[in-house]
Protein backbone atom coordinates (compact mmCIF):
# COMPACT_ATOMS: atom_id res chain seq x y z
CA MET A 1 69.65 -55.83 34.38
CA GLN A 2 72.64 -54.09 32.83
CA THR A 3 72.96 -51.91 29.74
CA ASP A 4 75.49 -49.43 28.38
CA ILE A 5 72.96 -46.65 27.88
CA LEU A 6 69.44 -46.58 29.30
CA VAL A 7 67.02 -44.45 27.25
CA ILE A 8 63.77 -43.68 29.06
CA GLY A 9 61.14 -42.65 26.51
CA SER A 10 60.33 -43.71 22.97
CA GLY A 11 59.49 -40.49 21.14
CA ILE A 12 61.49 -38.78 18.42
CA ALA A 13 64.28 -37.74 20.82
CA GLY A 14 64.66 -41.10 22.56
CA LEU A 15 64.57 -43.25 19.44
CA SER A 16 66.91 -40.90 17.56
CA ILE A 17 69.65 -41.03 20.18
CA ALA A 18 69.18 -44.78 20.63
CA LEU A 19 69.78 -45.41 16.92
CA LYS A 20 72.91 -43.27 16.94
CA LEU A 21 74.40 -44.83 20.08
CA ALA A 22 73.52 -48.39 19.06
CA LYS A 23 76.29 -48.39 16.46
CA ASN A 24 78.83 -48.89 19.25
CA HIS A 25 76.90 -49.71 22.44
CA GLN A 26 74.15 -51.85 23.94
CA ILE A 27 71.02 -49.75 24.37
CA THR A 28 67.88 -50.40 26.42
CA ILE A 29 64.75 -48.35 25.68
CA LEU A 30 61.99 -48.12 28.28
CA ALA A 31 58.46 -47.17 27.20
CA LYS A 32 55.69 -47.09 29.78
CA GLY A 33 53.13 -48.11 27.16
CA SER A 34 53.70 -49.14 23.57
CA LEU A 35 56.55 -47.51 21.63
CA THR A 36 54.07 -45.24 19.85
CA ASP A 37 52.05 -43.94 22.82
CA GLY A 38 53.93 -40.65 23.26
CA SER A 39 53.32 -37.13 21.99
CA THR A 40 55.49 -37.53 18.86
CA ASN A 41 52.83 -39.77 17.36
CA TYR A 42 50.30 -36.93 17.66
CA ALA A 43 52.43 -34.19 16.11
CA GLN A 44 50.64 -33.01 12.99
CA GLY A 45 52.38 -29.90 11.69
CA GLY A 46 55.99 -30.77 10.93
CA ILE A 47 59.64 -30.02 11.65
CA ALA A 48 61.15 -26.54 11.34
CA GLY A 49 64.45 -26.20 9.51
CA VAL A 50 66.12 -23.96 6.93
CA LEU A 51 65.63 -25.99 3.76
CA ASP A 52 64.61 -23.28 1.27
CA PRO A 53 67.47 -21.35 -0.41
CA PHE A 54 65.49 -18.12 0.09
CA ASP A 55 65.29 -18.77 3.84
CA SER A 56 68.21 -18.31 6.26
CA ILE A 57 69.44 -19.57 9.62
CA GLU A 58 69.43 -15.95 10.81
CA ALA A 59 65.72 -15.64 9.98
CA HIS A 60 64.93 -18.87 11.86
CA ILE A 61 66.90 -17.54 14.83
CA ASP A 62 65.05 -14.22 14.74
CA ASP A 63 61.62 -15.90 14.53
CA THR A 64 62.44 -18.22 17.43
CA GLN A 65 63.67 -15.38 19.62
CA THR A 66 60.68 -13.21 18.78
CA ALA A 67 58.28 -15.98 19.74
CA GLY A 68 60.31 -16.66 22.91
CA ALA A 69 59.58 -13.12 24.14
CA GLY A 70 63.12 -12.23 25.22
CA LEU A 71 63.91 -15.36 27.22
CA CYS A 72 65.53 -17.65 24.65
CA ASP A 73 69.15 -18.66 25.13
CA PRO A 74 70.82 -17.34 21.93
CA LYS A 75 73.34 -20.19 21.92
CA ALA A 76 70.62 -22.86 22.12
CA VAL A 77 68.64 -21.16 19.36
CA ALA A 78 71.72 -21.01 17.13
CA VAL A 79 72.48 -24.71 17.73
CA VAL A 80 68.98 -25.83 16.70
CA ALA A 81 68.65 -23.45 13.75
CA SER A 82 72.10 -24.47 12.46
CA HIS A 83 71.68 -28.24 12.80
CA ALA A 84 67.96 -28.78 12.10
CA ALA A 85 68.40 -29.21 8.35
CA GLU A 86 71.05 -31.93 8.65
CA THR A 87 68.95 -33.91 11.16
CA ILE A 88 65.95 -33.64 8.83
CA GLN A 89 68.16 -34.96 6.04
CA GLU A 90 68.95 -37.96 8.23
CA LEU A 91 65.22 -38.67 8.53
CA ILE A 92 64.84 -38.43 4.75
CA GLU A 93 67.65 -40.97 4.37
CA LEU A 94 65.92 -43.26 6.88
CA GLY A 95 62.87 -43.20 4.61
CA VAL A 96 60.39 -40.89 6.33
CA PRO A 97 57.69 -40.19 3.68
CA PHE A 98 57.62 -36.40 3.74
CA SER A 99 55.09 -34.68 1.43
CA LYS A 100 56.41 -33.82 -2.02
CA GLU A 101 56.45 -30.33 -3.49
CA TYR A 102 53.31 -29.47 -5.48
CA ASN A 103 54.99 -26.70 -7.46
CA GLU A 104 57.26 -28.20 -10.12
CA ASP A 105 59.43 -25.07 -10.26
CA ASN A 106 60.16 -25.28 -6.53
CA ALA A 107 60.65 -29.05 -6.71
CA GLU A 108 63.83 -28.50 -8.71
CA LYS A 109 65.36 -26.72 -5.71
CA PHE A 110 63.95 -28.99 -3.00
CA PRO A 111 61.61 -31.92 -3.74
CA PHE A 112 59.60 -31.70 -0.51
CA HIS A 113 56.74 -29.35 0.30
CA LEU A 114 57.39 -26.70 2.94
CA THR A 115 54.53 -25.07 4.80
CA LYS A 116 54.36 -21.99 7.01
CA GLU A 117 53.06 -21.69 10.57
CA GLY A 118 52.40 -18.94 13.10
CA GLY A 119 55.48 -16.88 14.01
CA HIS A 120 57.53 -18.02 11.00
CA SER A 121 58.64 -15.50 8.39
CA HIS A 122 59.30 -18.18 5.75
CA ARG A 123 58.02 -21.53 4.62
CA ARG A 124 60.35 -23.86 6.52
CA ILE A 125 58.13 -26.62 7.93
CA ILE A 126 58.74 -29.99 6.30
CA HIS A 127 55.84 -32.36 6.90
CA ALA A 128 54.16 -35.62 5.98
CA ALA A 129 50.67 -34.29 5.18
CA ASP A 130 49.16 -33.64 8.64
CA HIS A 131 50.55 -36.76 10.32
CA THR A 132 54.25 -35.90 10.48
CA GLY A 133 54.87 -37.29 13.95
CA GLN A 134 53.20 -40.57 13.13
CA SER A 135 55.23 -40.99 9.94
CA VAL A 136 58.52 -40.14 11.65
CA LEU A 137 57.78 -42.39 14.61
CA SER A 138 56.74 -45.41 12.55
CA THR A 139 60.00 -45.14 10.58
CA LEU A 140 62.12 -44.85 13.74
CA VAL A 141 60.27 -47.68 15.49
CA GLN A 142 60.92 -49.97 12.54
CA ARG A 143 64.63 -49.14 12.63
CA VAL A 144 65.10 -49.66 16.38
CA SER A 145 63.06 -52.88 16.27
CA GLU A 146 65.47 -54.30 13.70
CA HIS A 147 68.68 -53.23 15.47
CA PRO A 148 70.62 -56.05 17.19
CA ASN A 149 72.11 -53.73 19.83
CA ILE A 150 68.79 -52.32 21.04
CA THR A 151 66.59 -53.97 23.67
CA LEU A 152 63.00 -52.69 23.72
CA LEU A 153 61.04 -52.82 26.96
CA PRO A 154 57.47 -51.60 26.38
CA ASP A 155 55.04 -51.50 29.33
CA HIS A 156 57.91 -50.61 31.70
CA ILE A 157 57.36 -47.40 33.65
CA SER A 158 60.31 -45.83 35.43
CA ILE A 159 59.99 -45.23 39.17
CA ASP A 160 63.14 -43.39 40.21
CA LEU A 161 66.72 -42.77 39.15
CA VAL A 162 69.52 -44.40 41.13
CA LYS A 163 72.69 -42.61 42.24
CA ASN A 164 76.06 -43.93 43.38
CA ALA A 165 77.09 -44.03 47.03
CA LYS A 166 78.50 -40.49 46.87
CA GLY A 167 75.25 -39.22 45.36
CA ASN A 168 77.04 -37.40 42.55
CA ARG A 169 76.35 -39.70 39.60
CA CYS A 170 73.33 -41.42 38.05
CA ILE A 171 73.99 -45.16 37.67
CA GLY A 172 70.59 -46.35 36.42
CA ALA A 173 66.94 -46.53 37.36
CA TYR A 174 64.19 -48.63 38.87
CA ALA A 175 61.37 -49.64 36.52
CA LEU A 176 58.05 -51.40 37.01
CA ASN A 177 57.29 -54.19 34.57
CA GLN A 178 53.53 -53.69 34.33
CA THR A 179 52.90 -57.12 32.85
CA GLU A 180 54.77 -59.09 35.52
CA LYS A 181 54.12 -56.49 38.26
CA GLN A 182 57.80 -56.71 39.19
CA VAL A 183 60.30 -53.92 39.85
CA TYR A 184 63.64 -54.16 38.03
CA ALA A 185 66.89 -52.40 38.88
CA ILE A 186 68.61 -51.39 35.64
CA SER A 187 72.29 -50.48 35.85
CA SER A 188 73.66 -48.20 33.11
CA LEU A 189 76.79 -46.23 32.28
CA PHE A 190 74.63 -43.33 31.09
CA THR A 191 70.92 -42.63 31.39
CA VAL A 192 68.96 -40.45 28.94
CA LEU A 193 65.59 -38.98 29.92
CA ALA A 194 63.41 -38.46 26.84
CA THR A 195 60.08 -38.70 28.63
CA GLY A 196 58.20 -35.73 27.19
CA GLY A 197 56.21 -33.00 28.92
CA ALA A 198 53.54 -32.65 31.59
CA SER A 199 50.42 -31.25 29.90
CA LYS A 200 48.29 -33.98 31.51
CA ALA A 201 48.45 -31.74 34.58
CA TYR A 202 45.60 -29.80 32.97
CA LEU A 203 41.97 -30.79 32.62
CA TYR A 204 41.96 -30.09 28.88
CA THR A 205 44.99 -31.07 26.84
CA SER A 206 45.88 -32.05 23.30
CA ASN A 207 48.44 -34.53 24.64
CA PRO A 208 48.11 -38.28 25.13
CA ASP A 209 47.79 -39.82 28.60
CA THR A 210 51.56 -40.40 28.72
CA SER A 211 52.38 -36.68 29.24
CA THR A 212 52.75 -36.84 33.01
CA GLY A 213 56.17 -35.24 33.54
CA ASP A 214 57.83 -38.48 34.65
CA GLY A 215 61.38 -37.53 33.69
CA ILE A 216 61.13 -34.04 35.17
CA ALA A 217 59.87 -35.44 38.47
CA MET A 218 62.51 -38.19 38.63
CA ALA A 219 65.29 -35.74 37.84
CA TRP A 220 64.08 -33.32 40.54
CA ARG A 221 63.92 -36.09 43.14
CA ALA A 222 67.49 -37.03 42.15
CA GLY A 223 68.66 -33.47 42.82
CA CYS A 224 68.65 -31.93 39.33
CA SER A 225 67.68 -28.34 38.70
CA VAL A 226 64.65 -27.38 36.59
CA ALA A 227 63.93 -24.16 34.73
CA ASN A 228 61.05 -22.09 33.33
CA MET A 229 58.33 -24.43 34.54
CA GLU A 230 55.83 -21.55 34.55
CA PHE A 231 55.71 -21.51 30.75
CA ASN A 232 53.10 -24.03 29.67
CA GLN A 233 51.97 -23.59 26.09
CA PHE A 234 48.27 -23.80 25.34
CA HIS A 235 47.63 -24.71 21.74
CA PRO A 236 45.00 -22.26 20.47
CA THR A 237 43.01 -24.72 18.40
CA CYS A 238 41.79 -28.04 19.74
CA LEU A 239 38.57 -29.54 18.42
CA PHE A 240 35.59 -28.64 20.63
CA HIS A 241 33.04 -31.39 20.29
CA PRO A 242 31.31 -33.62 22.87
CA LYS A 243 32.46 -36.74 21.00
CA ASP A 244 36.10 -35.69 20.56
CA ARG A 245 37.74 -33.06 22.78
CA SER A 246 41.42 -33.95 22.74
CA PHE A 247 42.14 -33.65 19.04
CA LEU A 248 44.52 -30.93 17.95
CA ILE A 249 43.80 -28.88 14.84
CA SER A 250 47.26 -28.20 13.45
CA GLU A 251 48.64 -24.69 13.25
CA ALA A 252 49.33 -25.49 9.62
CA VAL A 253 45.60 -24.96 8.97
CA ARG A 254 46.11 -21.29 9.80
CA GLY A 255 49.43 -21.37 7.96
CA GLU A 256 47.57 -22.35 4.79
CA GLY A 257 44.91 -19.65 5.16
CA GLY A 258 42.61 -20.72 8.00
CA ILE A 259 40.83 -17.83 9.76
CA LEU A 260 39.62 -17.69 13.38
CA ARG A 261 36.09 -16.32 13.66
CA LEU A 262 33.43 -15.56 16.25
CA PRO A 263 30.01 -17.25 15.89
CA ASN A 264 28.84 -14.21 13.90
CA GLY A 265 31.68 -14.68 11.40
CA TYR A 266 33.88 -11.82 12.62
CA ALA A 267 37.64 -12.45 12.16
CA PHE A 268 38.82 -11.21 15.56
CA MET A 269 42.58 -11.88 15.45
CA GLN A 270 43.12 -8.66 13.49
CA ASP A 271 42.19 -6.82 16.71
CA TYR A 272 45.02 -8.43 18.69
CA ASP A 273 48.07 -8.60 16.45
CA GLU A 274 49.16 -7.30 13.06
CA ARG A 275 50.01 -10.88 12.09
CA ALA A 276 46.39 -11.81 12.79
CA ASP A 277 45.90 -15.58 12.60
CA LEU A 278 49.62 -16.19 12.15
CA ALA A 279 50.63 -14.61 15.46
CA PRO A 280 52.55 -16.83 17.92
CA ARG A 281 50.57 -19.32 19.96
CA ASP A 282 50.59 -17.42 23.27
CA ILE A 283 48.96 -14.39 21.63
CA VAL A 284 46.37 -16.46 19.76
CA ALA A 285 45.47 -18.59 22.81
CA ARG A 286 45.00 -15.51 25.03
CA ALA A 287 42.92 -13.81 22.35
CA ILE A 288 40.60 -16.82 22.06
CA ASP A 289 40.36 -17.08 25.85
CA GLN A 290 39.46 -13.38 26.10
CA GLU A 291 36.85 -13.55 23.32
CA MET A 292 35.20 -16.60 24.91
CA LYS A 293 34.99 -14.84 28.29
CA LYS A 294 33.88 -11.52 26.80
CA HIS A 295 31.04 -13.02 24.77
CA GLY A 296 30.17 -15.91 27.09
CA ILE A 297 30.72 -18.49 24.33
CA ASP A 298 32.01 -22.05 24.61
CA CYS A 299 34.32 -21.92 21.60
CA VAL A 300 35.41 -19.96 18.53
CA TYR A 301 35.61 -21.24 14.94
CA LEU A 302 38.46 -21.97 12.57
CA ASP A 303 37.47 -21.53 8.93
CA ILE A 304 39.38 -23.11 6.03
CA SER A 305 36.27 -23.72 3.92
CA HIS A 306 37.19 -20.97 1.43
CA LYS A 307 39.99 -23.23 0.14
CA PRO A 308 39.25 -25.86 -2.55
CA ALA A 309 38.08 -29.19 -1.14
CA LYS A 310 40.83 -31.00 -3.07
CA PHE A 311 43.47 -28.79 -1.43
CA ILE A 312 42.04 -29.37 2.06
CA LYS A 313 41.86 -33.16 1.66
CA ALA A 314 45.41 -33.32 0.27
CA HIS A 315 46.98 -31.11 2.98
CA PHE A 316 44.92 -32.20 5.98
CA PRO A 317 43.64 -35.74 5.45
CA THR A 318 43.77 -36.69 9.13
CA ILE A 319 42.01 -33.54 10.32
CA TYR A 320 39.45 -33.81 7.52
CA GLN A 321 38.58 -37.40 8.41
CA ARG A 322 38.59 -36.88 12.18
CA CYS A 323 36.19 -33.94 11.87
CA LYS A 324 34.08 -35.86 9.36
CA ASN A 325 33.75 -38.63 11.97
CA VAL A 326 31.90 -36.22 14.27
CA GLY A 327 29.80 -34.72 11.51
CA ILE A 328 31.87 -31.71 10.43
CA ASP A 329 32.89 -31.31 6.79
CA ILE A 330 35.74 -28.78 7.03
CA SER A 331 35.63 -28.13 3.29
CA LYS A 332 32.16 -26.65 3.84
CA GLU A 333 31.90 -25.88 7.56
CA GLN A 334 33.86 -24.09 10.26
CA ILE A 335 35.68 -26.08 12.96
CA PRO A 336 34.71 -25.34 16.60
CA VAL A 337 37.95 -24.89 18.59
CA VAL A 338 39.21 -24.02 22.08
CA PRO A 339 42.71 -23.71 23.60
CA ALA A 340 44.15 -26.72 25.46
CA ALA A 341 47.40 -27.46 27.30
CA HIS A 342 49.89 -28.56 24.69
CA TYR A 343 53.60 -28.18 25.49
CA THR A 344 55.90 -27.82 28.50
CA CYS A 345 58.45 -25.14 27.56
CA GLY A 346 60.43 -25.59 30.77
CA GLY A 347 62.00 -28.76 32.10
CA ILE A 348 65.20 -30.32 33.38
CA LEU A 349 68.07 -27.84 33.17
CA THR A 350 70.69 -29.00 30.64
CA ASP A 351 73.68 -27.63 28.81
CA LEU A 352 74.01 -27.57 25.03
CA GLU A 353 75.06 -31.24 25.01
CA GLY A 354 71.98 -32.42 26.90
CA LYS A 355 73.87 -32.90 30.19
CA THR A 356 71.88 -32.31 33.37
CA THR A 357 73.33 -31.09 36.66
CA LEU A 358 73.77 -34.77 37.72
CA ASP A 359 76.75 -36.59 36.22
CA GLY A 360 75.83 -39.49 33.96
CA LEU A 361 72.31 -38.18 33.31
CA TYR A 362 71.16 -36.55 30.08
CA ALA A 363 67.77 -35.05 29.20
CA ILE A 364 66.52 -34.31 25.67
CA GLY A 365 63.26 -33.38 23.99
CA GLU A 366 60.29 -31.86 25.81
CA ALA A 367 61.51 -33.09 29.20
CA ALA A 368 64.54 -30.80 28.95
CA TYR A 369 65.06 -27.08 29.29
CA THR A 370 67.74 -26.17 26.77
CA GLY A 371 66.88 -22.47 26.53
CA LEU A 372 65.51 -22.82 22.99
CA HIS A 373 61.89 -21.92 23.63
CA GLY A 374 62.20 -19.09 26.13
CA ALA A 375 58.78 -17.86 27.23
CA ASN A 376 56.93 -19.43 24.29
CA ARG A 377 57.76 -22.16 21.78
CA LEU A 378 57.76 -21.34 18.07
CA ALA A 379 55.62 -23.79 16.10
CA SER A 380 57.39 -26.94 14.87
CA ASN A 381 60.58 -26.22 16.79
CA SER A 382 59.79 -29.08 19.17
CA LEU A 383 60.56 -31.99 16.85
CA ALA A 384 63.61 -30.11 15.60
CA GLU A 385 64.85 -29.68 19.18
CA GLY A 386 64.41 -33.40 19.87
CA LEU A 387 66.42 -34.32 16.79
CA VAL A 388 69.20 -31.79 17.29
CA PHE A 389 69.80 -32.45 20.98
CA ALA A 390 69.70 -36.21 20.39
CA LYS A 391 72.60 -35.52 18.04
CA MET A 392 74.41 -33.29 20.56
CA ALA A 393 73.94 -35.77 23.44
CA HIS A 394 75.12 -38.64 21.26
CA LYS A 395 78.35 -36.80 20.46
CA SER A 396 78.88 -35.96 24.12
CA ILE A 397 78.43 -39.54 25.33
CA GLU A 398 80.67 -40.94 22.59
CA ASN A 399 83.39 -38.39 23.33
CA THR A 400 83.23 -39.11 27.05
CA LEU A 401 83.56 -42.85 26.55
CA ALA A 402 86.29 -42.46 23.94
CA HIS A 403 88.48 -40.43 26.28
CA ASN A 404 87.98 -42.53 29.40
CA ASP A 405 88.93 -46.05 30.33
CA LEU A 406 85.78 -48.05 30.96
CA ALA A 407 87.60 -49.87 33.72
CA GLU A 408 87.68 -46.68 35.76
CA ASN A 409 85.31 -46.70 38.70
CA GLN A 410 83.06 -43.99 37.32
CA TYR A 411 82.46 -45.81 34.04
CA LYS A 412 81.58 -49.32 35.06
CA HIS A 413 78.37 -50.94 36.18
CA LEU A 414 77.76 -50.46 39.87
CA PRO A 415 75.46 -52.72 41.90
CA ILE A 416 71.96 -51.46 42.60
CA ARG A 417 70.09 -52.87 45.56
CA ALA A 418 66.71 -54.49 44.99
CA TRP A 419 63.52 -52.45 45.36
CA ASP A 420 62.11 -52.92 48.88
CA THR A 421 58.51 -54.21 48.85
CA SER A 422 58.45 -55.54 52.43
CA ARG A 423 56.17 -52.87 53.89
CA ILE A 424 53.59 -52.37 51.16
CA THR A 425 50.12 -53.80 50.68
CA ASP A 426 47.52 -53.88 47.93
CA PRO A 427 45.15 -50.89 48.25
CA ARG A 428 41.71 -51.62 49.66
CA GLU A 429 40.18 -49.02 47.34
CA LYS A 430 41.39 -47.02 44.35
CA ILE A 431 39.02 -44.06 44.64
CA LEU A 432 41.73 -42.04 46.43
CA VAL A 433 44.00 -42.13 43.38
CA SER A 434 41.27 -41.32 40.87
CA HIS A 435 39.93 -38.49 43.07
CA ASP A 436 43.38 -36.90 43.45
CA TRP A 437 43.93 -37.17 39.69
CA ASP A 438 40.72 -35.25 39.04
CA GLU A 439 41.33 -32.62 41.71
CA LEU A 440 44.87 -31.89 40.55
CA ARG A 441 43.87 -31.34 36.93
CA ARG A 442 40.94 -29.09 37.86
CA VAL A 443 43.07 -27.01 40.23
CA MET A 444 45.69 -26.49 37.52
CA TRP A 445 43.10 -25.59 34.88
CA ASP A 446 41.23 -23.14 37.13
CA TYR A 447 44.19 -21.45 38.85
CA VAL A 448 47.33 -21.96 36.72
CA GLY A 449 45.86 -21.63 33.24
CA ILE A 450 46.16 -19.15 30.38
CA VAL A 451 45.53 -16.14 32.69
CA ARG A 452 46.73 -16.16 36.32
CA THR A 453 46.63 -14.03 39.47
CA ASN A 454 48.58 -14.10 42.73
CA THR A 455 45.48 -15.28 44.59
CA ARG A 456 44.87 -18.13 42.17
CA LEU A 457 48.50 -19.25 42.35
CA LYS A 458 48.52 -19.14 46.16
CA ARG A 459 45.36 -21.23 46.32
CA ALA A 460 46.78 -23.71 43.82
CA ARG A 461 50.01 -24.04 45.83
CA GLN A 462 48.12 -24.82 49.04
CA ARG A 463 45.89 -27.45 47.45
CA ILE A 464 48.70 -29.11 45.51
CA ARG A 465 50.86 -29.29 48.66
CA ASN A 466 48.10 -31.23 50.40
CA LEU A 467 47.72 -33.52 47.40
CA HIS A 468 51.48 -34.05 47.32
CA LYS A 469 51.49 -35.23 50.94
CA GLU A 470 48.52 -37.55 50.38
CA VAL A 471 50.03 -39.13 47.28
CA HIS A 472 53.44 -39.54 48.93
CA GLU A 473 51.93 -41.43 51.87
CA TYR A 474 49.88 -43.61 49.54
CA PHE A 475 52.98 -44.34 47.45
CA ARG A 476 54.96 -45.47 50.52
CA GLN A 477 52.27 -47.86 51.68
CA HIS A 478 50.77 -49.48 48.58
CA THR A 479 51.59 -51.70 45.62
CA LEU A 480 52.84 -49.72 42.63
CA THR A 481 50.67 -49.15 39.57
CA ARG A 482 51.12 -46.94 36.53
CA ASP A 483 48.30 -44.63 37.66
CA LEU A 484 49.92 -44.14 41.05
CA LEU A 485 53.40 -43.52 39.64
CA GLU A 486 52.11 -41.01 37.07
CA LEU A 487 50.06 -39.19 39.71
CA ARG A 488 53.08 -39.06 42.02
CA ASN A 489 55.13 -37.47 39.24
CA LEU A 490 52.44 -35.08 38.05
CA VAL A 491 51.66 -33.72 41.52
CA LEU A 492 55.34 -32.89 41.96
CA VAL A 493 55.67 -31.28 38.53
CA ALA A 494 52.48 -29.26 39.07
CA GLU A 495 53.97 -27.92 42.31
CA LEU A 496 57.14 -26.94 40.43
CA MET A 497 54.99 -25.13 37.85
CA VAL A 498 53.24 -23.11 40.55
CA MET A 499 56.48 -22.34 42.41
CA SER A 500 58.00 -21.03 39.18
CA ALA A 501 54.90 -18.98 38.32
CA GLN A 502 54.96 -17.35 41.76
CA ARG A 503 58.57 -16.26 41.25
CA ARG A 504 57.92 -14.46 37.96
CA LYS A 505 56.74 -10.92 38.75
CA GLU A 506 55.75 -9.96 35.21
CA SER A 507 53.64 -11.11 32.26
CA ARG A 508 55.74 -12.59 29.47
CA GLY A 509 54.98 -15.08 26.74
CA LEU A 510 52.90 -17.96 28.08
CA HIS A 511 52.85 -16.61 31.64
CA TYR A 512 50.20 -13.90 32.00
CA ASN A 513 49.52 -12.62 35.53
CA LEU A 514 46.85 -9.94 35.94
CA ASP A 515 48.68 -8.66 39.04
CA TYR A 516 51.88 -8.10 37.03
CA PRO A 517 50.69 -7.10 33.53
CA HIS A 518 53.94 -5.44 32.44
CA LEU A 519 57.31 -6.73 31.23
CA GLN A 520 60.44 -6.53 33.35
CA LYS A 521 63.47 -4.90 31.74
CA ASN A 522 66.04 -7.64 32.34
CA PRO A 523 64.24 -10.98 32.35
CA ARG A 524 65.97 -14.15 33.46
CA PRO A 525 65.02 -17.82 33.36
CA THR A 526 63.35 -19.14 36.50
CA ILE A 527 65.72 -21.78 37.86
CA LEU A 528 64.69 -24.00 40.79
CA LYS A 529 67.37 -25.97 42.63
CA ASN A 530 66.52 -28.97 44.78
CA ASN A 531 68.86 -28.70 47.74
CA SER A 532 66.96 -31.28 49.77
CA ALA A 533 67.57 -34.27 47.47
CA ARG A 534 69.54 -37.12 48.97
């Protein structure tokens, strides 16, 4: 197959750049499940941007850098804070049904309701009730489905990137058609990785099953650098219930007055931070973890019941109904919550145009490390980052093509040899894959979680190395399946997380090591370079 630009991933970043590029080029979008299976569909809170005249880009920059605990790239922060509003306006023009302003006086200035979340000094989160991601995604999916220059390939999981003979440029990728069980070689002028994060590495996560670090792993195997993989954000408040344990309770609940309490009703966040329940996520998650360990309790409680029922149902209809389904009326009762793996702050190293260290390859969204998030992501900056860097990467690709003759060797389709299946067989049993899946996620949860030690990290490294070898051998010998490909990617990304965590000799943001409890004076990003890639 041939395409001008291959976009791998169908979340907010991937669909946004596809729509922009499709005006002038043929685009192919790969999604390993349906187009709506990714993390964007689960984003509740909203998109951060300076939309209120009383807010400022400088304040958004300051809030982002404060949350990032001294490791944000100031240039990346400035790019997102400066361009977020215009990308949000593009979504409004596409027809995303953002919630309207309830206050008529404010509606004259800006017709949409803005909420506030932890770490923000102003109301700057535009949202569609508590299902923002779903509303944005459904609008984008409709647009790409109608576009004549876009080819959609759902149920196609990428296997590996392909490089030219010199090994200095990405020229496409191999992908498994899960329906036909055939491997396709897809040749492209440019390839964009928008594959999301890797929170499925942990036993408990708010993310869907798609969050297996596919793009990060493929980029590493192709020789790209990765950065800050030790910073994995644990969302403080996921529903704790035997019938539903992967449902996120939006930070906007605390932004609108929700209070975290112990079983006896005590509001404990005041003991940890002057911002109490509106402290950044790393602080809140560690506080909950410490209170659970100190008191020997399974969860803490998030209380919004002091707000009027009408207000709760209007602001949080999805959360209200989901909790109601398991017997909790949040207008009258507290919500049992625990932290869960939520967001990968590190990723594939890129510049401010989304370019990776491999020519012809871009990475945007959660799969990328742009420098925006530093040691901890500020709430609702994730969707903004996806939108803004889709815009930056689009400009970069267009400029490159506009100033180069497509007949030149570097900008034409190069042949890709067929995937070799001559030495593989169907597996006799699948228990090996399912067992390794379970072991990996438990090792990461127990040893590379919210609080770490050198001993835990060393033990995790040893066990993951063994798993990596086992999975690699299995991959070489057996027929490909989605489970196997995701496990192969996740084992590699988990190893990168541990390697990065071992290099950081301090506690900062989302990385808290009991053996190094203090901050270093001149912190730097943790950059890993793969010098062994062929």
